Structures are given as structure tokens and as C-alpha cells.
Amino acid sequence: MTEGAPESPGFAGTPEVPTSASLTRAAAPEASSPAADVLVRHIRRHGRVIAIVRAVGLADACVVAAEVFPEGAVEPSKLPPYPFGDWHRATAFVQEAAAAFLYLGCEVTDA
């Protein structure tokens, strides 16, 4: 790795990002569990979901992860989660990605 270059995301020490099913539970946590901040954007092109981008605030980290749905694929491609220093930076990244998809003619929805 080049000196001063950032480390690649998704390797040892990166928190696991919840799946779609567990995010539903995280968005409405039980009274005994700490609340997780969750921001989800579904990206559609011609009515078909092509990507889901999530920002998740965990107890000690904020991460953004994406699932990409290539045309004709049976399973989505999951990109490694990328850690952010705080919730604000993670959500700003998701919002900027959503804006880029809008610029490319995609529809962006909360769910």
C-alpha cells in the first residue's frame, strides 16, 4: 500500500452490516436494546431495483453498505461495508450517492 493512502474498506475490524430483515428490526428496536440509526435508499431504474444503499449507526461505528442487483443475476452483489467516523458523514455519503443516481435518471426512494 502506498504511504498515506487510505486503507481499503471491508477488511478486519470492519463491523458487520445488518441485512434487510435485521434492519427492519433495528429501525424499531426493543426497549432493552440501544437504537441504531438507519438510513436506507432504494435505487430503481425502469421500475427495477438496481441497488440498495444503507447507512447504519452502530454502538461504536457508522458504516455504509450497498447491495447491487445486476440485471439477470439471481443474488445481489454485496460490496464491503465502508466505515465512517460519524453518523453525519455516513448519511451525507448516502445522500450524495442518491443524488448521483438521480442525475443518471434513476428513481430513489426511502424504501
Protein backbone atom coordinates (compact mmCIF):
# COMPACT_ATOMS: atom_id res chain seq x y z
CA MET A 1 0.00 0.00 0.00
CA THR A 2 1.26 3.50 -0.79
CA GLU A 3 2.23 5.56 2.22
CA GLY A 4 -0.59 7.91 3.18
CA ALA A 5 -3.17 6.01 1.13
CA PRO A 6 -6.39 5.14 2.98
CA GLU A 7 -6.97 1.53 3.95
CA SER A 8 -9.46 -0.40 1.86
CA PRO A 9 -12.89 -0.81 3.49
CA GLY A 10 -14.42 -4.09 4.48
CA PHE A 11 -11.45 -5.87 5.99
CA ALA A 12 -10.59 -6.99 9.52
CA GLY A 13 -12.14 -4.80 12.17
CA THR A 14 -15.00 -3.56 9.99
CA PRO A 15 -18.36 -4.09 11.71
CA GLU A 16 -20.85 -6.42 10.06
CA VAL A 17 -23.76 -4.57 8.41
CA PRO A 18 -27.24 -5.93 9.08
CA THR A 19 -29.28 -7.47 6.26
CA SER A 20 -32.62 -6.12 5.04
CA ALA A 21 -34.53 -8.33 7.50
CA SER A 22 -32.46 -7.30 10.51
CA LEU A 23 -32.62 -3.62 9.51
CA THR A 24 -36.38 -3.75 9.93
CA ARG A 25 -35.82 -4.88 13.50
CA ALA A 26 -33.05 -2.30 14.02
CA ALA A 27 -35.32 0.52 12.88
CA ALA A 28 -37.76 -0.38 15.66
CA PRO A 29 -35.55 -1.69 18.49
CA GLU A 30 -36.89 -3.33 21.62
CA ALA A 31 -36.91 -1.18 24.74
CA SER A 32 -33.89 -3.02 26.20
CA SER A 33 -31.64 -2.63 23.13
CA PRO A 34 -29.88 0.57 22.04
CA ALA A 35 -31.39 2.27 18.98
CA ALA A 36 -29.46 2.00 15.72
CA ASP A 37 -29.68 4.89 13.30
CA VAL A 38 -30.64 3.51 9.90
CA LEU A 39 -30.90 5.30 6.56
CA VAL A 40 -31.90 3.18 3.56
CA ARG A 41 -32.24 4.27 -0.07
CA HIS A 42 -33.60 2.01 -2.81
CA ILE A 43 -32.41 2.89 -6.31
CA ARG A 44 -34.65 1.87 -9.23
CA ARG A 45 -34.12 2.10 -12.96
CA HIS A 46 -37.08 1.38 -15.27
CA GLY A 47 -39.03 0.12 -12.24
CA ARG A 48 -36.43 -2.48 -11.20
CA VAL A 49 -34.36 -2.17 -8.02
CA ILE A 50 -30.72 -1.91 -9.07
CA ALA A 51 -29.18 -1.03 -5.70
CA ILE A 52 -29.89 -0.61 -2.01
CA VAL A 53 -27.61 1.70 -0.02
CA ARG A 54 -27.67 1.65 3.79
CA ALA A 55 -26.10 3.79 6.49
CA VAL A 56 -26.16 2.11 9.89
CA GLY A 57 -25.12 3.75 13.15
CA LEU A 58 -23.79 1.07 15.47
CA ALA A 59 -22.70 1.48 19.07
CA ASP A 60 -19.08 2.17 18.14
CA ALA A 61 -19.16 2.88 14.38
CA CYS A 62 -21.15 4.15 11.43
CA VAL A 63 -20.98 2.14 8.24
CA VAL A 64 -22.39 2.38 4.74
CA ALA A 65 -23.01 -0.75 2.71
CA ALA A 66 -24.59 -1.39 -0.65
CA GLU A 67 -26.20 -4.27 -2.45
CA VAL A 68 -26.15 -4.10 -6.24
CA PHE A 69 -28.62 -6.09 -8.32
CA PRO A 70 -27.07 -6.73 -11.75
CA GLU A 71 -29.57 -7.45 -14.50
CA GLY A 72 -30.14 -11.18 -14.83
CA ALA A 73 -28.33 -12.06 -11.59
CA VAL A 74 -30.01 -14.37 -9.08
CA GLU A 75 -28.30 -12.90 -5.99
CA PRO A 76 -27.27 -9.30 -5.29
CA SER A 77 -23.60 -8.33 -5.21
CA LYS A 78 -22.75 -7.09 -1.73
CA LEU A 79 -20.00 -4.54 -1.52
CA PRO A 80 -17.84 -4.43 1.61
CA PRO A 81 -19.13 -2.01 4.25
CA TYR A 82 -17.28 1.28 4.46
CA PRO A 83 -16.74 2.75 7.95
CA PHE A 84 -17.27 6.44 8.65
CA GLY A 85 -16.20 8.49 11.65
CA ASP A 86 -19.70 9.68 12.50
CA TRP A 87 -23.35 9.45 11.53
CA HIS A 88 -23.32 12.82 9.74
CA ARG A 89 -20.57 11.76 7.32
CA ALA A 90 -22.20 8.39 6.65
CA THR A 91 -25.60 9.90 5.85
CA ALA A 92 -24.02 12.65 3.75
CA PHE A 93 -22.33 9.95 1.66
CA VAL A 94 -25.64 8.12 1.14
CA GLN A 95 -27.39 11.37 0.17
CA GLU A 96 -24.64 12.25 -2.32
CA ALA A 97 -24.81 8.76 -3.84
CA ALA A 98 -28.60 9.13 -4.13
CA ALA A 99 -28.15 12.48 -5.89
CA ALA A 100 -25.75 10.87 -8.37
CA PHE A 101 -28.27 8.12 -9.15
CA LEU A 102 -30.99 10.77 -9.66
CA TYR A 103 -28.69 12.61 -12.08
CA LEU A 104 -28.31 9.33 -14.01
CA GLY A 105 -32.09 9.04 -14.38
CA CYS A 106 -32.83 6.60 -11.58
CA GLU A 107 -35.65 6.80 -9.05
CA VAL A 108 -34.56 6.99 -5.41
CA THR A 109 -36.95 6.07 -2.59
CA ASP A 110 -36.72 5.59 1.17
CA ALA A 111 -37.88 2.00 0.90
